[in-house]
PDB file of N, CA and C in Angstrom:
ATOM      1  N   UNK A   1     139.909 106.891   3.179  1.00  0.00           N
ATOM      2  CA  UNK A   1     139.297 106.846   4.479  1.00  0.00           C
ATOM      3  C   UNK A   1     138.151 105.827   4.444  1.00  0.00           C
ATOM      4  N   UNK A   2     138.110 105.035   5.459  1.00  0.00           N
ATOM      5  CA  UNK A   2     137.089 103.998   5.541  1.00  0.00           C
ATOM      6  C   UNK A   2     135.788 104.567   6.101  1.00  0.00           C
ATOM      7  N   UNK A   3     134.700 103.995   5.651  1.00  0.00           N
ATOM      8  CA  UNK A   3     133.401 104.385   6.195  1.00  0.00           C
ATOM      9  C   UNK A   3     133.166 103.618   7.493  1.00  0.00           C
ATOM     10  N   UNK A   4     132.159 104.054   8.244  1.00  0.00           N
ATOM     11  CA  UNK A   4     131.821 103.349   9.478  1.00  0.00           C
ATOM     12  C   UNK A   4     131.408 101.919   9.171  1.00  0.00           C
ATOM     13  N   UNK A   5     130.715 101.724   8.053  1.00  0.00           N
ATOM     14  CA  UNK A   5     130.295 100.374   7.680  1.00  0.00           C
ATOM     15  C   UNK A   5     131.505  99.479   7.387  1.00  0.00           C
ATOM     16  N   UNK A   6     132.498 100.029   6.701  1.00  0.00           N
ATOM     17  CA  UNK A   6     133.711  99.252   6.404  1.00  0.00           C
ATOM     18  C   UNK A   6     134.464  98.913   7.695  1.00  0.00           C
ATOM     19  N   UNK A   7     134.518  99.876   8.601  1.00  0.00           N
ATOM     20  CA  UNK A   7     135.195  99.631   9.872  1.00  0.00           C
ATOM     21  C   UNK A   7     134.417  98.642  10.737  1.00  0.00           C
ATOM     22  N   UNK A   8     133.099  98.606  10.569  1.00  0.00           N
ATOM     23  CA  UNK A   8     132.286  97.625  11.293  1.00  0.00           C
ATOM     24  C   UNK A   8     132.627  96.216  10.823  1.00  0.00           C
ATOM     25  N   UNK A   9     132.878  96.049   9.545  1.00  0.00           N
ATOM     26  CA  UNK A   9     133.283  94.742   9.015  1.00  0.00           C
ATOM     27  C   UNK A   9     134.622  94.321   9.637  1.00  0.00           C
ATOM     28  N   UNK A  10     135.554  95.253   9.713  1.00  0.00           N
ATOM     29  CA  UNK A  10     136.861  94.968  10.314  1.00  0.00           C
ATOM     30  C   UNK A  10     136.690  94.625  11.793  1.00  0.00           C
ATOM     31  N   UNK A  11     135.879  95.418  12.493  1.00  0.00           N
ATOM     32  CA  UNK A  11     135.651  95.180  13.920  1.00  0.00           C
ATOM     33  C   UNK A  11     134.994  93.825  14.152  1.00  0.00           C
ATOM     34  N   UNK A  12     134.054  93.482  13.295  1.00  0.00           N
ATOM     35  CA  UNK A  12     133.380  92.183  13.424  1.00  0.00           C
ATOM     36  C   UNK A  12     134.385  91.045  13.320  1.00  0.00           C
ATOM     37  N   UNK A  13     135.286  91.143  12.364  1.00  0.00           N
ATOM     38  CA  UNK A  13     136.293  90.089  12.192  1.00  0.00           C
ATOM     39  C   UNK A  13     137.222  90.031  13.401  1.00  0.00           C
ATOM     40  N   UNK A  14     137.610  91.191  13.919  1.00  0.00           N
ATOM     41  CA  UNK A  14     138.502  91.206  15.078  1.00  0.00           C
ATOM     42  C   UNK A  14     137.828  90.587  16.308  1.00  0.00           C
ATOM     43  N   UNK A  15     136.562  90.891  16.500  1.00  0.00           N
ATOM     44  CA  UNK A  15     135.837  90.314  17.632  1.00  0.00           C
ATOM     45  C   UNK A  15     135.664  88.809  17.434  1.00  0.00           C
ATOM     46  N   UNK A  16     135.356  88.400  16.222  1.00  0.00           N
ATOM     47  CA  UNK A  16     135.229  86.963  15.935  1.00  0.00           C
ATOM     48  C   UNK A  16     136.540  86.238  16.224  1.00  0.00           C
ATOM     49  N   UNK A  17     137.649  86.865  15.845  1.00  0.00           N
ATOM     50  CA  UNK A  17     138.960  86.250  16.071  1.00  0.00           C
ATOM     51  C   UNK A  17     139.316  86.193  17.555  1.00  0.00           C
ATOM     52  N   UNK A  18     138.751  87.097  18.345  1.00  0.00           N
ATOM     53  CA  UNK A  18     139.060  87.160  19.777  1.00  0.00           C
ATOM     54  C   UNK A  18     138.180  86.237  20.626  1.00  0.00           C
ATOM     55  N   UNK A  19     137.173  85.627  20.013  1.00  0.00           N
ATOM     56  CA  UNK A  19     136.269  84.766  20.777  1.00  0.00           C
ATOM     57  C   UNK A  19     137.011  83.563  21.317  1.00  0.00           C
ATOM     58  N   UNK A  20     136.674  83.067  22.491  1.00  0.00           N
ATOM     59  CA  UNK A  20     135.632  83.567  23.383  1.00  0.00           C
ATOM     60  C   UNK A  20     136.133  84.755  24.198  1.00  0.00           C
ATOM     61  N   UNK A  21     135.206  85.677  24.495  1.00  0.00           N
ATOM     62  CA  UNK A  21     135.505  86.826  25.338  1.00  0.00           C
ATOM     63  C   UNK A  21     134.675  86.703  26.612  1.00  0.00           C
ATOM     64  N   UNK A  22     135.213  87.248  27.667  1.00  0.00           N
ATOM     65  CA  UNK A  22     134.570  87.085  28.968  1.00  0.00           C
ATOM     66  C   UNK A  22     134.372  88.427  29.652  1.00  0.00           C
ATOM     67  N   UNK A  23     133.430  88.429  30.594  1.00  0.00           N
ATOM     68  CA  UNK A  23     133.181  89.595  31.441  1.00  0.00           C
ATOM     69  C   UNK A  23     133.092  89.120  32.878  1.00  0.00           C
ATOM     70  N   UNK A  24     133.315  90.042  33.792  1.00  0.00           N
ATOM     71  CA  UNK A  24     133.240  89.731  35.218  1.00  0.00           C
ATOM     72  C   UNK A  24     131.944  90.328  35.762  1.00  0.00           C
ATOM     73  N   UNK A  25     131.063  89.491  36.306  1.00  0.00           N
ATOM     74  CA  UNK A  25     129.792  89.932  36.881  1.00  0.00           C
ATOM     75  C   UNK A  25     129.665  89.317  38.265  1.00  0.00           C
ATOM     76  N   UNK A  26     129.592  90.183  39.279  1.00  0.00           N
ATOM     77  CA  UNK A  26     129.468  89.709  40.666  1.00  0.00           C
ATOM     78  C   UNK A  26     130.505  88.641  40.997  1.00  0.00           C
ATOM     79  N   UNK A  27     131.749  88.935  40.649  1.00  0.00           N
ATOM     80  CA  UNK A  27     132.870  88.024  40.902  1.00  0.00           C
ATOM     81  C   UNK A  27     132.728  86.685  40.190  1.00  0.00           C
ATOM     82  N   UNK A  28     131.954  86.656  39.128  1.00  0.00           N
ATOM     83  CA  UNK A  28     131.798  85.440  38.334  1.00  0.00           C
ATOM     84  C   UNK A  28     132.231  85.734  36.901  1.00  0.00           C
ATOM     85  N   UNK A  29     133.040  84.854  36.351  1.00  0.00           N
ATOM     86  CA  UNK A  29     133.523  85.003  34.979  1.00  0.00           C
ATOM     87  C   UNK A  29     132.504  84.380  34.038  1.00  0.00           C
ATOM     88  N   UNK A  30     131.943  85.219  33.157  1.00  0.00           N
ATOM     89  CA  UNK A  30     130.928  84.754  32.211  1.00  0.00           C
ATOM     90  C   UNK A  30     131.357  85.081  30.789  1.00  0.00           C
ATOM     91  N   UNK A  31     131.044  84.154  29.881  1.00  0.00           N
ATOM     92  CA  UNK A  31     131.303  84.465  28.478  1.00  0.00           C
ATOM     93  C   UNK A  31     130.298  85.506  28.014  1.00  0.00           C
ATOM     94  N   UNK A  32     130.737  86.351  27.070  1.00  0.00           N
ATOM     95  CA  UNK A  32     129.845  87.363  26.503  1.00  0.00           C
ATOM     96  C   UNK A  32     128.588  86.700  25.950  1.00  0.00           C
ATOM     97  N   UNK A  33     127.475  87.395  26.070  1.00  0.00           N
ATOM     98  CA  UNK A  33     126.240  86.981  25.409  1.00  0.00           C
ATOM     99  C   UNK A  33     126.292  87.493  23.980  1.00  0.00           C
ATOM    100  N   UNK A  34     125.331  87.095  23.166  1.00  0.00           N
ATOM    101  CA  UNK A  34     125.263  87.611  21.797  1.00  0.00           C
ATOM    102  C   UNK A  34     125.128  89.129  21.804  1.00  0.00           C
ATOM    103  N   UNK A  35     124.343  89.656  22.736  1.00  0.00           N
ATOM    104  CA  UNK A  35     124.178  91.115  22.841  1.00  0.00           C
ATOM    105  C   UNK A  35     125.499  91.781  23.214  1.00  0.00           C
ATOM    106  N   UNK A  36     126.284  91.146  24.089  1.00  0.00           N
ATOM    107  CA  UNK A  36     127.593  91.687  24.468  1.00  0.00           C
ATOM    108  C   UNK A  36     128.531  91.724  23.262  1.00  0.00           C
ATOM    109  N   UNK A  37     128.524  90.643  22.483  1.00  0.00           N
ATOM    110  CA  UNK A  37     129.366  90.613  21.285  1.00  0.00           C
ATOM    111  C   UNK A  37     128.926  91.695  20.294  1.00  0.00           C
ATOM    112  N   UNK A  38     127.625  91.843  20.116  1.00  0.00           N
ATOM    113  CA  UNK A  38     127.114  92.885  19.205  1.00  0.00           C
ATOM    114  C   UNK A  38     127.554  94.266  19.670  1.00  0.00           C
ATOM    115  N   UNK A  39     127.464  94.515  20.984  1.00  0.00           N
ATOM    116  CA  UNK A  39     127.865  95.823  21.519  1.00  0.00           C
ATOM    117  C   UNK A  39     129.369  96.034  21.377  1.00  0.00           C
ATOM    118  N   UNK A  40     130.141  94.978  21.577  1.00  0.00           N
ATOM    119  CA  UNK A  40     131.591  95.078  21.427  1.00  0.00           C
ATOM    120  C   UNK A  40     131.967  95.452  19.994  1.00  0.00           C
ATOM    121  N   UNK A  41     131.250  94.919  19.027  1.00  0.00           N
ATOM    122  CA  UNK A  41     131.502  95.253  17.620  1.00  0.00           C
ATOM    123  C   UNK A  41     131.189  96.719  17.372  1.00  0.00           C
ATOM    124  N   UNK A  42     130.045  97.182  17.856  1.00  0.00           N
ATOM    125  CA  UNK A  42     129.660  98.590  17.681  1.00  0.00           C
ATOM    126  C   UNK A  42     130.698  99.503  18.330  1.00  0.00           C
ATOM    127  N   UNK A  43     131.091  99.179  19.553  1.00  0.00           N
ATOM    128  CA  UNK A  43     132.057 100.006  20.277  1.00  0.00           C
ATOM    129  C   UNK A  43     133.400 100.047  19.564  1.00  0.00           C
ATOM    130  N   UNK A  44     133.879  98.903  19.103  1.00  0.00           N
ATOM    131  CA  UNK A  44     135.170  98.842  18.419  1.00  0.00           C
ATOM    132  C   UNK A  44     135.119  99.600  17.095  1.00  0.00           C
ATOM    133  N   UNK A  45     134.052  99.438  16.340  1.00  0.00           N
ATOM    134  CA  UNK A  45     133.915 100.156  15.066  1.00  0.00           C
ATOM    135  C   UNK A  45     133.880 101.663  15.306  1.00  0.00           C
ATOM    136  N   UNK A  46     133.126 102.093  16.306  1.00  0.00           N
ATOM    137  CA  UNK A  46     133.063 103.531  16.610  1.00  0.00           C
ATOM    138  C   UNK A  46     134.416 104.062  17.058  1.00  0.00           C
ATOM    139  N   UNK A  47     135.138 103.272  17.831  1.00  0.00           N
ATOM    140  CA  UNK A  47     136.468 103.678  18.274  1.00  0.00           C
ATOM    141  C   UNK A  47     137.424 103.824  17.091  1.00  0.00           C
ATOM    142  N   UNK A  48     137.381 102.864  16.175  1.00  0.00           N
ATOM    143  CA  UNK A  48     138.226 102.924  14.984  1.00  0.00           C
ATOM    144  C   UNK A  48     137.872 104.142  14.127  1.00  0.00           C
ATOM    145  N   UNK A  49     136.569 104.414  14.000  1.00  0.00           N
ATOM    146  CA  UNK A  49     136.137 105.562  13.202  1.00  0.00           C
ATOM    147  C   UNK A  49     136.587 106.868  13.852  1.00  0.00           C
ATOM    148  N   UNK A  50     136.439 106.967  15.175  1.00  0.00           N
ATOM    149  CA  UNK A  50     136.877 108.168  15.889  1.00  0.00           C
ATOM    150  C   UNK A  50     138.381 108.363  15.756  1.00  0.00           C
ATOM    151  N   UNK A  51     139.140 107.285  15.868  1.00  0.00           N
ATOM    152  CA  UNK A  51     140.594 107.391  15.708  1.00  0.00           C
ATOM    153  C   UNK A  51     140.953 107.862  14.304  1.00  0.00           C
ATOM    154  N   UNK A  52     140.256 107.341  13.319  1.00  0.00           N
ATOM    155  CA  UNK A  52     140.508 107.738  11.934  1.00  0.00           C
ATOM    156  C   UNK A  52     140.208 109.223  11.724  1.00  0.00           C
ATOM    157  N   UNK A  53     139.103 109.691  12.279  1.00  0.00           N
ATOM    158  CA  UNK A  53     138.666 111.064  12.057  1.00  0.00           C
ATOM    159  C   UNK A  53     139.376 112.076  12.952  1.00  0.00           C
ATOM    160  N   UNK A  54     139.735 111.687  14.164  1.00  0.00           N
ATOM    161  CA  UNK A  54     140.241 112.646  15.140  1.00  0.00           C
ATOM    162  C   UNK A  54     141.591 112.289  15.743  1.00  0.00           C
ATOM    163  N   UNK A  55     142.145 111.166  15.371  1.00  0.00           N
ATOM    164  CA  UNK A  55     143.412 110.730  15.949  1.00  0.00           C
ATOM    165  C   UNK A  55     144.550 111.697  15.701  1.00  0.00           C
ATOM    166  N   UNK A  56     144.493 112.427  14.603  1.00  0.00           N
ATOM    167  CA  UNK A  56     145.564 113.366  14.291  1.00  0.00           C
ATOM    168  C   UNK A  56     145.675 114.447  15.364  1.00  0.00           C
ATOM    169  N   UNK A  57     144.568 114.781  16.020  1.00  0.00           N
ATOM    170  CA  UNK A  57     144.592 115.824  17.049  1.00  0.00           C
ATOM    171  C   UNK A  57     145.455 115.401  18.227  1.00  0.00           C
ATOM    172  N   UNK A  58     145.252 114.186  18.697  1.00  0.00           N
ATOM    173  CA  UNK A  58     146.044 113.680  19.807  1.00  0.00           C
ATOM    174  C   UNK A  58     147.502 113.531  19.395  1.00  0.00           C
ATOM    175  N   UNK A  59     147.732 113.027  18.196  1.00  0.00           N
ATOM    176  CA  UNK A  59     149.098 112.866  17.712  1.00  0.00           C
ATOM    177  C   UNK A  59     149.811 114.212  17.654  1.00  0.00           C
ATOM    178  N   UNK A  60     149.124 115.239  17.177  1.00  0.00           N
ATOM    179  CA  UNK A  60     149.720 116.575  17.117  1.00  0.00           C
ATOM    180  C   UNK A  60     149.998 117.113  18.510  1.00  0.00           C
ATOM    181  N   UNK A  61     149.053 116.973  19.414  1.00  0.00           N
ATOM    182  CA  UNK A  61     149.246 117.493  20.770  1.00  0.00           C
ATOM    183  C   UNK A  61     150.489 116.887  21.411  1.00  0.00           C
ATOM    184  N   UNK A  62     150.674 115.593  21.225  1.00  0.00           N
ATOM    185  CA  UNK A  62     151.853 114.937  21.790  1.00  0.00           C
ATOM    186  C   UNK A  62     153.131 115.418  21.119  1.00  0.00           C
ATOM    187  N   UNK A  63     153.075 115.614  19.809  1.00  0.00           N
ATOM    188  CA  UNK A  63     154.272 116.011  19.064  1.00  0.00           C
ATOM    189  C   UNK A  63     154.646 117.477  19.272  1.00  0.00           C
ATOM    190  N   UNK A  64     153.678 118.328  19.557  1.00  0.00           N
ATOM    191  CA  UNK A  64     153.989 119.745  19.773  1.00  0.00           C
ATOM    192  C   UNK A  64     154.904 119.948  20.973  1.00  0.00           C
ATOM    193  N   UNK A  65     154.801 119.101  21.959  1.00  0.00           N
ATOM    194  CA  UNK A  65     155.589 119.284  23.176  1.00  0.00           C
ATOM    195  C   UNK A  65     154.848 120.184  24.147  1.00  0.00           C
ATOM    196  N   UNK A  66     155.502 120.479  25.244  1.00  0.00           N
ATOM    197  CA  UNK A  66     154.857 121.269  26.295  1.00  0.00           C
ATOM    198  C   UNK A  66     154.726 122.734  25.885  1.00  0.00           C
ATOM    199  N   UNK A  67     153.806 123.420  26.527  1.00  0.00           N
ATOM    200  CA  UNK A  67     153.639 124.853  26.294  1.00  0.00           C
ATOM    201  C   UNK A  67     154.930 125.583  26.660  1.00  0.00           C
ATOM    202  N   UNK A  68     155.558 125.158  27.739  1.00  0.00           N
ATOM    203  CA  UNK A  68     156.809 125.795  28.169  1.00  0.00           C
ATOM    204  C   UNK A  68     157.872 125.680  27.076  1.00  0.00           C
ATOM    205  N   UNK A  69     157.987 124.505  26.471  1.00  0.00           N
ATOM    206  CA  UNK A  69     158.969 124.325  25.393  1.00  0.00           C
ATOM    207  C   UNK A  69     158.616 125.183  24.180  1.00  0.00           C
ATOM    208  N   UNK A  70     157.329 125.267  23.867  1.00  0.00           N
ATOM    209  CA  UNK A  70     156.913 126.097  22.736  1.00  0.00           C
ATOM    210  C   UNK A  70     157.204 127.573  22.990  1.00  0.00           C
ATOM    211  N   UNK A  71     156.902 128.031  24.201  1.00  0.00           N
ATOM    212  CA  UNK A  71     157.192 129.428  24.536  1.00  0.00           C
ATOM    213  C   UNK A  71     158.688 129.706  24.507  1.00  0.00           C
ATOM    214  N   UNK A  72     159.479 128.732  24.946  1.00  0.00           N
ATOM    215  CA  UNK A  72     160.930 128.895  24.896  1.00  0.00           C
ATOM    216  C   UNK A  72     161.408 129.022  23.453  1.00  0.00           C
ATOM    217  N   UNK A  73     160.845 128.220  22.558  1.00  0.00           N
ATOM    218  CA  UNK A  73     161.207 128.331  21.130  1.00  0.00           C
ATOM    219  C   UNK A  73     160.842 129.711  20.587  1.00  0.00           C
ATOM    220  N   UNK A  74     159.656 130.187  20.939  1.00  0.00           N
ATOM    221  CA  UNK A  74     159.217 131.510  20.468  1.00  0.00           C
ATOM    222  C   UNK A  74     160.156 132.600  21.003  1.00  0.00           C
ATOM    223  N   UNK A  75     160.506 132.504  22.287  1.00  0.00           N
ATOM    224  CA  UNK A  75     161.410 133.487  22.888  1.00  0.00           C
ATOM    225  C   UNK A  75     162.743 133.523  22.148  1.00  0.00           C
ATOM    226  N   UNK A  76     163.343 132.348  21.969  1.00  0.00           N
ATOM    227  CA  UNK A  76     164.659 132.307  21.336  1.00  0.00           C
ATOM    228  C   UNK A  76     164.591 132.666  19.849  1.00  0.00           C
ATOM    229  N   UNK A  77     163.477 132.368  19.203  1.00  0.00           N
ATOM    230  CA  UNK A  77     163.311 132.826  17.815  1.00  0.00           C
ATOM    231  C   UNK A  77     163.339 134.347  17.756  1.00  0.00           C
ATOM    232  N   UNK A  78     162.683 134.995  18.721  1.00  0.00           N
ATOM    233  CA  UNK A  78     162.689 136.463  18.766  1.00  0.00           C
ATOM    234  C   UNK A  78     164.068 137.020  19.039  1.00  0.00           C
ATOM    235  N   UNK A  79     164.804 136.375  19.925  1.00  0.00           N
ATOM    236  CA  UNK A  79     166.160 136.829  20.268  1.00  0.00           C
ATOM    237  C   UNK A  79     167.141 136.618  19.119  1.00  0.00           C
ATOM    238  N   UNK A  80     166.987 135.503  18.424  1.00  0.00           N
ATOM    239  CA  UNK A  80     167.975 135.121  17.404  1.00  0.00           C
ATOM    240  C   UNK A  80     167.485 135.322  15.978  1.00  0.00           C
ATOM    241  N   UNK A  81     166.308 135.865  15.819  1.00  0.00           N
ATOM    242  CA  UNK A  81     165.655 136.019  14.507  1.00  0.00           C
ATOM    243  C   UNK A  81     165.715 134.715  13.700  1.00  0.00           C
ATOM    244  N   UNK A  82     165.284 133.639  14.369  1.00  0.00           N
ATOM    245  CA  UNK A  82     165.217 132.331  13.719  1.00  0.00           C
ATOM    246  C   UNK A  82     163.747 131.935  13.566  1.00  0.00           C
ATOM    247  N   UNK A  83     163.510 130.794  12.951  1.00  0.00           N
ATOM    248  CA  UNK A  83     162.138 130.306  12.732  1.00  0.00           C
ATOM    249  C   UNK A  83     161.962 128.899  13.296  1.00  0.00           C
ATOM    250  N   UNK A  84     162.634 128.597  14.383  1.00  0.00           N
ATOM    251  CA  UNK A  84     162.586 127.263  14.975  1.00  0.00           C
ATOM    252  C   UNK A  84     161.168 126.848  15.322  1.00  0.00           C
ATOM    253  N   UNK A  85     160.423 127.746  15.958  1.00  0.00           N
ATOM    254  CA  UNK A  85     159.056 127.426  16.357  1.00  0.00           C
ATOM    255  C   UNK A  85     158.182 127.154  15.140  1.00  0.00           C
ATOM    256  N   UNK A  86     158.209 128.025  14.171  1.00  0.00           N
ATOM    257  CA  UNK A  86     157.391 127.848  12.970  1.00  0.00           C
ATOM    258  C   UNK A  86     157.779 126.576  12.231  1.00  0.00           C
ATOM    259  N   UNK A  87     159.059 126.306  12.166  1.00  0.00           N
ATOM    260  CA  UNK A  87     159.528 125.079  11.517  1.00  0.00           C
ATOM    261  C   UNK A  87     159.023 123.840  12.259  1.00  0.00           C
ATOM    262  N   UNK A  88     159.026 123.905  13.586  1.00  0.00           N
ATOM    263  CA  UNK A  88     158.540 122.795  14.408  1.00  0.00           C
ATOM    264  C   UNK A  88     157.057 122.549  14.149  1.00  0.00           C
ATOM    265  N   UNK A  89     156.265 123.611  14.171  1.00  0.00           N
ATOM    266  CA  UNK A  89     154.824 123.488  13.942  1.00  0.00           C
ATOM    267  C   UNK A  89     154.558 122.934  12.545  1.00  0.00           C
ATOM    268  N   UNK A  90     155.251 123.443  11.544  1.00  0.00           N
ATOM    269  CA  UNK A  90     155.077 122.948  10.177  1.00  0.00           C
ATOM    270  C   UNK A  90     155.420 121.461  10.074  1.00  0.00           C
ATOM    271  N   UNK A  91     156.479 121.030  10.757  1.00  0.00           N
ATOM    272  CA  UNK A  91     156.889 119.625  10.716  1.00  0.00           C
ATOM    273  C   UNK A  91     155.844 118.729  11.389  1.00  0.00           C
ATOM    274  N   UNK A  92     155.298 119.185  12.518  1.00  0.00           N
ATOM    275  CA  UNK A  92     154.268 118.397  13.215  1.00  0.00           C
ATOM    276  C   UNK A  92     153.030 118.262  12.352  1.00  0.00           C
ATOM    277  N   UNK A  93     152.597 119.374  11.754  1.00  0.00           N
ATOM    278  CA  UNK A  93     151.407 119.332  10.902  1.00  0.00           C
ATOM    279  C   UNK A  93     151.618 118.449   9.669  1.00  0.00           C
ATOM    280  N   UNK A  94     152.824 118.457   9.137  1.00  0.00           N
ATOM    281  CA  UNK A  94     153.121 117.603   7.982  1.00  0.00           C
ATOM    282  C   UNK A  94     153.155 116.128   8.376  1.00  0.00           C
ATOM    283  N   UNK A  95     153.668 115.855   9.576  1.00  0.00           N
ATOM    284  CA  UNK A  95     153.765 114.467  10.037  1.00  0.00           C
ATOM    285  C   UNK A  95     152.410 113.897  10.441  1.00  0.00           C
ATOM    286  N   UNK A  96     151.496 114.769  10.863  1.00  0.00           N
ATOM    287  CA  UNK A  96     150.166 114.336  11.335  1.00  0.00           C
ATOM    288  C   UNK A  96     149.085 115.172  10.633  1.00  0.00           C
ATOM    289  N   UNK A  97     148.872 114.917   9.350  1.00  0.00           N
ATOM    290  CA  UNK A  97     147.927 115.754   8.593  1.00  0.00           C
ATOM    291  C   UNK A  97     146.468 115.529   9.013  1.00  0.00           C
ATOM    292  N   UNK A  98     145.703 116.578   8.836  1.00  0.00           N
ATOM    293  CA  UNK A  98     144.267 116.508   9.092  1.00  0.00           C
ATOM    294  C   UNK A  98     143.627 115.706   7.969  1.00  0.00           C
ATOM    295  N   UNK A  99     142.753 114.744   8.305  1.00  0.00           N
ATOM    296  CA  UNK A  99     142.109 113.974   7.237  1.00  0.00           C
ATOM    297  C   UNK A  99     141.231 114.865   6.361  1.00  0.00           C
ATOM    298  N   UNK A 100     141.158 114.512   5.110  1.00  0.00           N
ATOM    299  CA  UNK A 100     140.354 115.317   4.185  1.00  0.00           C
ATOM    300  C   UNK A 100     138.942 114.805   4.130  1.00  0.00           C
TER     301      UNK A 100
END
Protein backbone atom coordinates (compact mmCIF):
# COMPACT_ATOMS: atom_id res chain seq x y z
CA UNK A 1 0.00 0.00 0.00
CA UNK A 2 1.31 3.39 -0.95
CA UNK A 3 1.59 6.24 1.49
CA UNK A 4 -0.02 9.61 0.85
CA UNK A 5 3.44 11.01 0.16
CA UNK A 6 4.13 8.33 -2.47
CA UNK A 7 0.76 8.98 -4.09
CA UNK A 8 1.52 12.71 -4.08
CA UNK A 9 4.62 11.99 -6.18
CA UNK A 10 2.48 10.01 -8.64
CA UNK A 11 -0.17 12.76 -8.71
CA UNK A 12 2.48 15.41 -9.30
CA UNK A 13 3.79 13.53 -12.32
CA UNK A 14 0.29 13.03 -13.70
CA UNK A 15 -0.53 16.72 -13.36
CA UNK A 16 2.81 17.67 -14.93
CA UNK A 17 2.06 15.36 -17.85
CA UNK A 18 -1.40 16.91 -18.27
CA UNK A 19 -0.13 20.49 -18.50
CA UNK A 20 -1.38 22.88 -19.68
CA UNK A 21 -4.66 22.64 -17.78
CA UNK A 22 -7.42 25.17 -17.99
CA UNK A 23 -10.37 26.44 -15.97
CA UNK A 24 -13.45 28.39 -16.95
CA UNK A 25 -13.94 31.70 -15.07
CA UNK A 26 -16.73 34.09 -16.06
CA UNK A 27 -16.94 32.48 -19.50
CA UNK A 28 -13.20 32.97 -19.99
CA UNK A 29 -10.78 30.08 -20.48
CA UNK A 30 -7.73 30.56 -18.26
CA UNK A 31 -4.72 28.39 -17.68
CA UNK A 32 -4.32 27.13 -14.12
CA UNK A 33 -2.25 29.30 -11.81
CA UNK A 34 0.54 27.78 -9.74
CA UNK A 35 -1.89 27.63 -6.81
CA UNK A 36 -4.43 25.80 -9.01
CA UNK A 37 -1.81 23.25 -10.04
CA UNK A 38 -0.77 22.77 -6.40
CA UNK A 39 -4.40 22.23 -5.38
CA UNK A 40 -4.95 19.81 -8.26
CA UNK A 41 -2.00 17.73 -7.03
CA UNK A 42 -3.35 17.66 -3.47
CA UNK A 43 -6.84 16.74 -4.68
CA UNK A 44 -5.59 13.98 -6.99
CA UNK A 45 -3.30 12.50 -4.32
CA UNK A 46 -6.12 12.51 -1.76
CA UNK A 47 -8.46 10.89 -4.27
CA UNK A 48 -5.92 8.16 -5.03
CA UNK A 49 -5.36 7.57 -1.31
CA UNK A 50 -9.11 7.38 -0.63
CA UNK A 51 -9.57 4.93 -3.50
CA UNK A 52 -6.74 2.79 -2.16
CA UNK A 53 -8.13 2.76 1.37
CA UNK A 54 -11.87 2.62 0.67
CA UNK A 55 -12.34 1.59 -2.94
CA UNK A 56 -13.05 -1.99 -1.95
CA UNK A 57 -16.31 -0.85 -0.31
CA UNK A 58 -17.73 0.52 -3.54
CA UNK A 59 -16.47 -2.47 -5.49
CA UNK A 60 -18.18 -4.83 -3.04
CA UNK A 61 -21.45 -2.90 -3.08
CA UNK A 62 -21.59 -3.14 -6.86
CA UNK A 63 -20.67 -6.82 -6.87
CA UNK A 64 -23.18 -7.83 -4.18
CA UNK A 65 -26.07 -6.94 -6.46
CA UNK A 66 -29.42 -5.57 -5.42
CA UNK A 67 -31.03 -6.23 -2.06
CA UNK A 68 -33.90 -7.90 -3.90
CA UNK A 69 -31.50 -10.34 -5.57
CA UNK A 70 -29.78 -11.06 -2.26
CA UNK A 71 -33.09 -11.71 -0.52
CA UNK A 72 -34.12 -13.98 -3.38
CA UNK A 73 -30.90 -15.99 -2.93
CA UNK A 74 -31.55 -16.27 0.81
CA UNK A 75 -35.15 -17.39 0.19
CA UNK A 76 -34.17 -20.07 -2.30
CA UNK A 77 -31.28 -21.23 -0.11
CA UNK A 78 -33.84 -21.82 2.66
CA UNK A 79 -36.19 -23.67 0.31
CA UNK A 80 -33.49 -25.81 -1.29
CA UNK A 81 -31.04 -26.09 1.62
CA UNK A 82 -28.29 -24.62 -0.55
CA UNK A 83 -25.56 -22.07 0.21
CA UNK A 84 -25.81 -19.87 -2.89
CA UNK A 85 -26.03 -16.64 -0.91
CA UNK A 86 -23.11 -17.45 1.38
CA UNK A 87 -21.04 -18.60 -1.58
CA UNK A 88 -21.83 -15.34 -3.40
CA UNK A 89 -20.81 -13.21 -0.41
CA UNK A 90 -17.60 -15.20 0.07
CA UNK A 91 -16.72 -14.79 -3.63
CA UNK A 92 -17.32 -11.02 -3.54
CA UNK A 93 -15.20 -10.61 -0.42
CA UNK A 94 -12.42 -12.69 -1.95
CA UNK A 95 -12.53 -10.70 -5.19
CA UNK A 96 -12.50 -7.34 -3.36
CA UNK A 97 -10.47 -7.81 -0.16
CA UNK A 98 -10.27 -5.22 2.57
CA UNK A 99 -6.83 -3.59 2.61
CA UNK A 100 -4.65 -4.55 5.53
